[in-house]
Amino acid sequence: MFRVLWFFWLVGLIPLAKNKRQLFFYSTLLSLGVISSLIVHKLFVEFVPNYSSSLVESLKNGEVKNVIFSTLRHFVKNVINYFFSKQNGIVYIFMKFSTAGAVMFFTILALKYKSKLNIALALIGLTNFLLLFILYDAFDWREIRTMSPLFYFYILFIVLEVECFIKYINVFVLIVIFALNIKTSKQWIAERNIIDLSIVNKERMAYNEISKVIPNNKVILLDYIPKDYTWELLNLPLQNINNHQIRYIIKYYDVGKTHYDYILKRPTIDTTSKKIIDNEYYVLVKNE
């Protein structure tokens, strides 16, 4: 529903300023938005060991020169990935180049007609692309997740700007692309909707056993990556029977792990450690 990246869209207010007072006010709003973005990212967004997080670590270590050269290399690599790398199907190609084309469209209009609205739209789009190329990764659908909201935002203004004949062509192309993606959409929807409440309740009761055997203030390592579209993580108890927090380490990313006291394994994995709980869903052992 919300990405901290969208705070940067406040840059679109700057060209709309009618006087110095409004320019100061809009600039202040943009500054507060950028600061809010950083605060929200720090406090509420899940830590992901991506390129931007590696830059932050390098800056903390005072490696300014390395950060500059690394950023330039990363920028060039992302541009090549976005526009020239091997693509993954017609829908993927369409989404990438239609978004880039929309930004180019409003940039050309801004340069040609000097309209404040088009300048604002171009600034928003160019800011999004710069953040993508400098701080994120432009491959494997990550760029689609980052840039798609911009395209949806642009649609209203595209309708206002283009001629009627071109509008109909655009609608036709979008319908064709949508039709090509129906099969994939149905598959994803079906995978997310496979829920049997009796099975869910049975799993929840099984995982609730963890709360009865874990002492206070302990950490459990999940020694596997949970399957997509399951309730495994939702079933994990967050407190033991004494109402003390149970913490978990989930190995989605290759990062350093803090000390853990117990290990949760798949029931099919053999282990020589003493089993505290052994059922059809998991095996809980003590870290020795």
Protein backbone atom coordinates (compact mmCIF):
# COMPACT_ATOMS: atom_id res chain seq x y z
CA MET A 1 0.00 0.00 0.00
CA PHE A 2 2.87 2.40 0.65
CA ARG A 3 6.53 2.79 -0.25
CA VAL A 4 8.84 5.32 1.38
CA LEU A 5 10.03 6.12 -2.14
CA TRP A 6 6.78 8.03 -2.69
CA PHE A 7 7.83 10.77 -0.28
CA PHE A 8 10.27 11.83 -3.01
CA TRP A 9 7.31 12.56 -5.32
CA LEU A 10 6.98 15.83 -3.40
CA VAL A 11 9.68 17.11 -5.79
CA GLY A 12 6.78 17.65 -8.19
CA LEU A 13 5.58 20.57 -6.06
CA ILE A 14 8.67 22.67 -6.75
CA PRO A 15 7.80 23.74 -10.36
CA LEU A 16 4.25 24.62 -9.25
CA ALA A 17 5.45 27.41 -6.93
CA LYS A 18 4.11 30.83 -8.02
CA ASN A 19 6.39 32.92 -5.82
CA LYS A 20 9.35 32.70 -3.46
CA ARG A 21 7.10 32.10 -0.47
CA GLN A 22 5.49 29.08 -2.12
CA LEU A 23 8.90 27.87 -3.31
CA PHE A 24 10.19 27.95 0.27
CA PHE A 25 7.05 26.18 1.53
CA TYR A 26 7.20 23.44 -1.12
CA SER A 27 10.95 22.99 -0.64
CA THR A 28 10.35 22.59 3.10
CA LEU A 29 7.67 19.97 2.39
CA LEU A 30 10.08 18.10 0.10
CA SER A 31 12.83 18.20 2.74
CA LEU A 32 10.44 16.93 5.43
CA GLY A 33 9.27 14.21 3.05
CA VAL A 34 12.81 12.99 2.37
CA ILE A 35 13.63 13.04 6.10
CA SER A 36 10.37 11.18 6.83
CA SER A 37 11.29 8.61 4.19
CA LEU A 38 14.62 7.92 5.89
CA ILE A 39 12.99 7.72 9.33
CA VAL A 40 10.23 5.36 8.18
CA HIS A 41 12.77 3.19 6.37
CA LYS A 42 14.97 3.00 9.45
CA LEU A 43 12.22 2.31 12.00
CA PHE A 44 9.54 0.32 10.17
CA VAL A 45 10.88 -1.28 6.98
CA GLU A 46 12.35 -4.78 7.08
CA PHE A 47 16.13 -4.73 6.76
CA VAL A 48 17.17 -6.19 3.41
CA PRO A 49 20.88 -6.70 2.62
CA ASN A 50 20.72 -5.00 -0.79
CA TYR A 51 23.02 -2.52 -2.51
CA SER A 52 21.79 0.56 -0.63
CA SER A 53 22.37 -1.12 2.74
CA SER A 54 25.94 -1.96 1.67
CA LEU A 55 26.48 1.71 0.78
CA VAL A 56 25.32 2.78 4.24
CA GLU A 57 27.77 0.35 5.86
CA SER A 58 30.63 1.68 3.69
CA LEU A 59 29.76 5.27 4.63
CA LYS A 60 29.73 4.32 8.32
CA ASN A 61 33.27 2.97 7.84
CA GLY A 62 34.40 6.21 6.20
CA GLU A 63 34.99 4.62 2.77
CA VAL A 64 33.83 7.69 0.81
CA LYS A 65 36.03 7.08 -2.24
CA ASN A 66 34.85 3.48 -2.56
CA VAL A 67 31.24 4.61 -2.22
CA ILE A 68 31.62 7.10 -5.11
CA PHE A 69 33.20 4.59 -7.52
CA SER A 70 30.85 1.80 -6.43
CA THR A 71 27.82 4.04 -7.03
CA LEU A 72 29.00 4.92 -10.53
CA ARG A 73 29.59 1.26 -11.42
CA HIS A 74 26.22 0.29 -9.97
CA PHE A 75 24.47 3.06 -11.92
CA VAL A 76 25.97 1.94 -15.25
CA LYS A 77 25.21 -1.71 -14.48
CA ASN A 78 21.56 -0.90 -13.68
CA VAL A 79 21.13 1.14 -16.88
CA ILE A 80 22.48 -1.79 -18.91
CA ASN A 81 20.28 -4.25 -17.03
CA TYR A 82 17.16 -2.14 -17.51
CA PHE A 83 17.50 -1.35 -21.21
CA PHE A 84 19.83 -3.93 -22.77
CA SER A 85 19.94 -7.13 -20.71
CA LYS A 86 18.12 -10.36 -21.56
CA GLN A 87 14.41 -9.86 -20.94
CA ASN A 88 11.89 -12.27 -19.35
CA GLY A 89 8.84 -12.35 -21.59
CA ILE A 90 6.68 -9.82 -23.42
CA VAL A 91 4.78 -8.63 -20.32
CA TYR A 92 8.04 -7.93 -18.48
CA ILE A 93 9.46 -6.04 -21.47
CA PHE A 94 6.27 -4.03 -21.94
CA MET A 95 6.09 -2.96 -18.30
CA LYS A 96 9.72 -1.79 -18.23
CA PHE A 97 9.70 0.14 -21.48
CA SER A 98 6.20 1.58 -21.11
CA THR A 99 7.22 3.11 -17.78
CA ALA A 100 10.46 4.45 -19.24
CA GLY A 101 8.53 5.70 -22.27
CA ALA A 102 6.02 7.54 -20.05
CA VAL A 103 8.85 9.35 -18.24
CA MET A 104 10.44 10.25 -21.57
CA PHE A 105 7.05 11.44 -22.88
CA PHE A 106 6.56 13.94 -20.06
CA THR A 107 10.21 14.99 -20.15
CA ILE A 108 9.89 15.87 -23.85
CA LEU A 109 6.65 17.77 -23.19
CA ALA A 110 8.33 19.65 -20.34
CA LEU A 111 11.28 20.67 -22.54
CA LYS A 112 9.04 21.57 -25.49
CA TYR A 113 6.18 23.47 -23.85
CA LYS A 114 7.65 24.47 -20.45
CA SER A 115 4.33 23.53 -18.78
CA LYS A 116 4.61 23.54 -14.98
CA LEU A 117 2.55 20.34 -14.74
CA ASN A 118 4.69 18.48 -17.26
CA ILE A 119 7.88 19.70 -15.57
CA ALA A 120 6.51 18.39 -12.25
CA LEU A 121 5.60 15.02 -13.79
CA ALA A 122 9.00 14.75 -15.49
CA LEU A 123 10.80 15.55 -12.21
CA ILE A 124 8.84 12.86 -10.36
CA GLY A 125 9.64 10.26 -13.02
CA LEU A 126 13.32 11.15 -13.35
CA THR A 127 13.72 11.14 -9.55
CA ASN A 128 12.21 7.65 -9.41
CA PHE A 129 14.55 6.37 -12.10
CA LEU A 130 17.62 7.96 -10.49
CA LEU A 131 16.78 6.35 -7.14
CA LEU A 132 16.24 3.01 -8.90
CA PHE A 133 19.54 3.15 -10.80
CA ILE A 134 21.63 4.54 -7.94
CA LEU A 135 20.27 2.74 -4.86
CA TYR A 136 18.29 -0.29 -6.03
CA ASP A 137 18.50 -3.17 -8.50
CA ALA A 138 17.12 -2.94 -12.05
CA PHE A 139 16.60 -6.66 -12.71
CA ASP A 140 14.47 -9.68 -11.82
CA TRP A 141 11.16 -7.74 -11.44
CA ARG A 142 12.61 -5.49 -8.72
CA GLU A 143 12.49 -2.54 -11.10
CA ILE A 144 8.87 -3.40 -11.97
CA ARG A 145 7.82 -3.32 -8.31
CA THR A 146 9.59 0.00 -7.86
CA MET A 147 8.37 1.75 -11.02
CA SER A 148 4.85 0.35 -11.62
CA PRO A 149 3.11 2.77 -9.19
CA LEU A 150 4.65 5.63 -11.19
CA PHE A 151 3.03 4.30 -14.38
CA TYR A 152 -0.37 4.01 -12.69
CA PHE A 153 0.04 7.57 -11.44
CA TYR A 154 0.92 8.72 -14.95
CA ILE A 155 -2.11 7.13 -16.64
CA LEU A 156 -4.50 9.99 -15.80
CA PHE A 157 -2.10 12.60 -17.19
CA ILE A 158 -1.37 10.51 -20.30
CA VAL A 159 -5.11 10.44 -21.03
CA LEU A 160 -5.23 14.23 -20.67
CA GLU A 161 -2.24 14.83 -22.95
CA VAL A 162 -2.55 12.43 -25.91
CA GLU A 163 -4.88 12.63 -28.91
CA CYS A 164 -8.08 10.54 -29.00
CA PHE A 165 -6.79 8.15 -31.69
CA ILE A 166 -3.63 7.36 -29.72
CA LYS A 167 -5.72 6.80 -26.57
CA TYR A 168 -7.59 3.98 -28.29
CA ILE A 169 -4.34 2.41 -29.44
CA ASN A 170 -3.00 2.59 -25.88
CA VAL A 171 -6.15 0.96 -24.47
CA PHE A 172 -5.96 -1.82 -27.08
CA VAL A 173 -2.30 -2.55 -26.25
CA LEU A 174 -3.06 -2.63 -22.51
CA ILE A 175 -5.94 -5.07 -23.07
CA VAL A 176 -3.69 -7.38 -25.10
CA ILE A 177 -0.96 -7.30 -22.45
CA PHE A 178 -3.55 -7.93 -19.72
CA ALA A 179 -4.93 -10.92 -21.64
CA LEU A 180 -1.44 -12.39 -22.00
CA ASN A 181 -1.02 -12.15 -18.23
CA ILE A 182 -4.36 -13.68 -17.20
CA LYS A 183 -2.99 -17.22 -16.86
CA THR A 184 -0.16 -16.12 -14.55
CA SER A 185 -2.53 -13.94 -12.51
CA LYS A 186 -4.99 -16.81 -12.03
CA GLN A 187 -2.18 -19.11 -10.93
CA TRP A 188 -0.90 -16.64 -8.34
CA ILE A 189 -4.41 -15.93 -7.03
CA ALA A 190 -5.13 -19.65 -6.71
CA GLU A 191 -1.88 -20.27 -4.83
CA ARG A 192 -2.77 -17.55 -2.31
CA ASN A 193 -6.34 -18.77 -1.85
CA ILE A 194 -5.61 -22.41 -1.03
CA ILE A 195 -6.65 -22.29 2.62
CA ASP A 196 -8.23 -25.20 4.48
CA LEU A 197 -9.25 -23.93 7.91
CA SER A 198 -9.18 -27.39 9.49
CA ILE A 199 -5.58 -27.85 8.38
CA VAL A 200 -4.68 -24.31 9.49
CA ASN A 201 -6.10 -24.93 12.97
CA LYS A 202 -4.26 -28.24 13.22
CA GLU A 203 -0.97 -26.58 12.25
CA ARG A 204 -1.55 -23.75 14.71
CA MET A 205 -2.07 -26.16 17.58
CA ALA A 206 1.11 -28.01 16.61
CA TYR A 207 3.20 -24.83 16.51
CA ASN A 208 1.65 -23.64 19.77
CA GLU A 209 3.50 -26.50 21.50
CA ILE A 210 6.66 -24.40 21.11
CA SER A 211 5.34 -21.86 23.62
CA LYS A 212 5.06 -24.57 26.26
CA VAL A 213 8.67 -25.78 26.12
CA ILE A 214 10.71 -22.63 25.36
CA PRO A 215 12.10 -20.83 28.48
CA ASN A 216 12.05 -17.05 28.84
CA ASN A 217 13.89 -14.77 26.39
CA LYS A 218 15.17 -17.40 23.96
CA VAL A 219 15.95 -17.23 20.22
CA ILE A 220 14.97 -19.89 17.68
CA LEU A 221 16.65 -20.34 14.29
CA LEU A 222 14.46 -21.60 11.43
CA ASP A 223 16.88 -23.89 9.65
CA TYR A 224 14.90 -23.67 6.40
CA ILE A 225 13.16 -21.09 4.23
CA PRO A 226 9.37 -21.20 4.79
CA LYS A 227 7.32 -22.13 1.74
CA ASP A 228 5.46 -19.43 -0.16
CA TYR A 229 1.70 -19.07 0.38
CA THR A 230 1.70 -20.90 3.72
CA TRP A 231 0.78 -19.83 7.24
CA GLU A 232 3.98 -21.19 8.78
CA LEU A 233 5.30 -17.87 10.06
CA LEU A 234 1.87 -16.75 11.27
CA ASN A 235 1.60 -19.93 13.31
CA LEU A 236 4.83 -19.36 15.23
CA PRO A 237 4.04 -18.31 18.83
CA LEU A 238 5.49 -14.95 19.81
CA GLN A 239 5.34 -15.59 23.57
CA ASN A 240 5.87 -18.57 25.82
CA ILE A 241 3.40 -19.61 28.54
CA ASN A 242 5.06 -17.10 30.89
CA ASN A 243 4.25 -14.27 28.43
CA HIS A 244 7.92 -13.71 27.62
CA GLN A 245 8.94 -12.92 24.05
CA ILE A 246 10.16 -15.68 21.74
CA ARG A 247 12.43 -14.34 18.97
CA TYR A 248 13.14 -16.02 15.63
CA ILE A 249 15.87 -15.91 13.01
CA ILE A 250 14.54 -16.61 9.51
CA LYS A 251 17.21 -17.19 6.86
CA TYR A 252 15.78 -15.22 3.96
CA TYR A 253 19.06 -13.33 3.53
CA ASP A 254 22.71 -14.24 3.85
CA VAL A 255 23.68 -12.07 6.82
CA GLY A 256 25.41 -12.60 10.12
CA LYS A 257 23.25 -14.31 12.77
CA THR A 258 23.06 -13.50 16.45
CA HIS A 259 23.27 -16.28 19.04
CA TYR A 260 20.32 -18.68 18.99
CA ASP A 261 19.25 -21.21 21.59
CA TYR A 262 17.02 -23.58 19.60
CA ILE A 263 16.72 -24.79 16.01
CA LEU A 264 13.50 -25.49 14.12
CA LYS A 265 14.01 -28.07 11.37
CA ARG A 266 11.89 -29.80 8.77
CA PRO A 267 10.59 -33.17 10.03
CA THR A 268 12.31 -34.92 7.11
CA ILE A 269 15.78 -33.73 8.19
CA ASP A 270 17.81 -36.22 10.24
CA THR A 271 19.49 -34.83 13.34
CA THR A 272 21.63 -36.27 16.10
CA SER A 273 20.63 -33.52 18.53
CA LYS A 274 18.10 -34.17 21.24
CA LYS A 275 14.58 -33.63 19.92
CA ILE A 276 12.35 -31.53 22.15
CA ILE A 277 9.35 -31.63 19.79
CA ASP A 278 9.00 -33.96 16.81
CA ASN A 279 5.81 -33.93 14.72
CA GLU A 280 4.67 -33.89 11.10
CA TYR A 281 5.33 -30.14 10.72
CA TYR A 282 8.71 -29.55 12.34
CA VAL A 283 11.43 -30.81 14.70
CA LEU A 284 12.61 -28.55 17.55
CA VAL A 285 16.10 -29.21 18.92
CA LYS A 286 18.38 -27.40 21.37
CA ASN A 287 21.45 -25.64 19.95
CA GLU A 288 24.41 -27.40 21.57
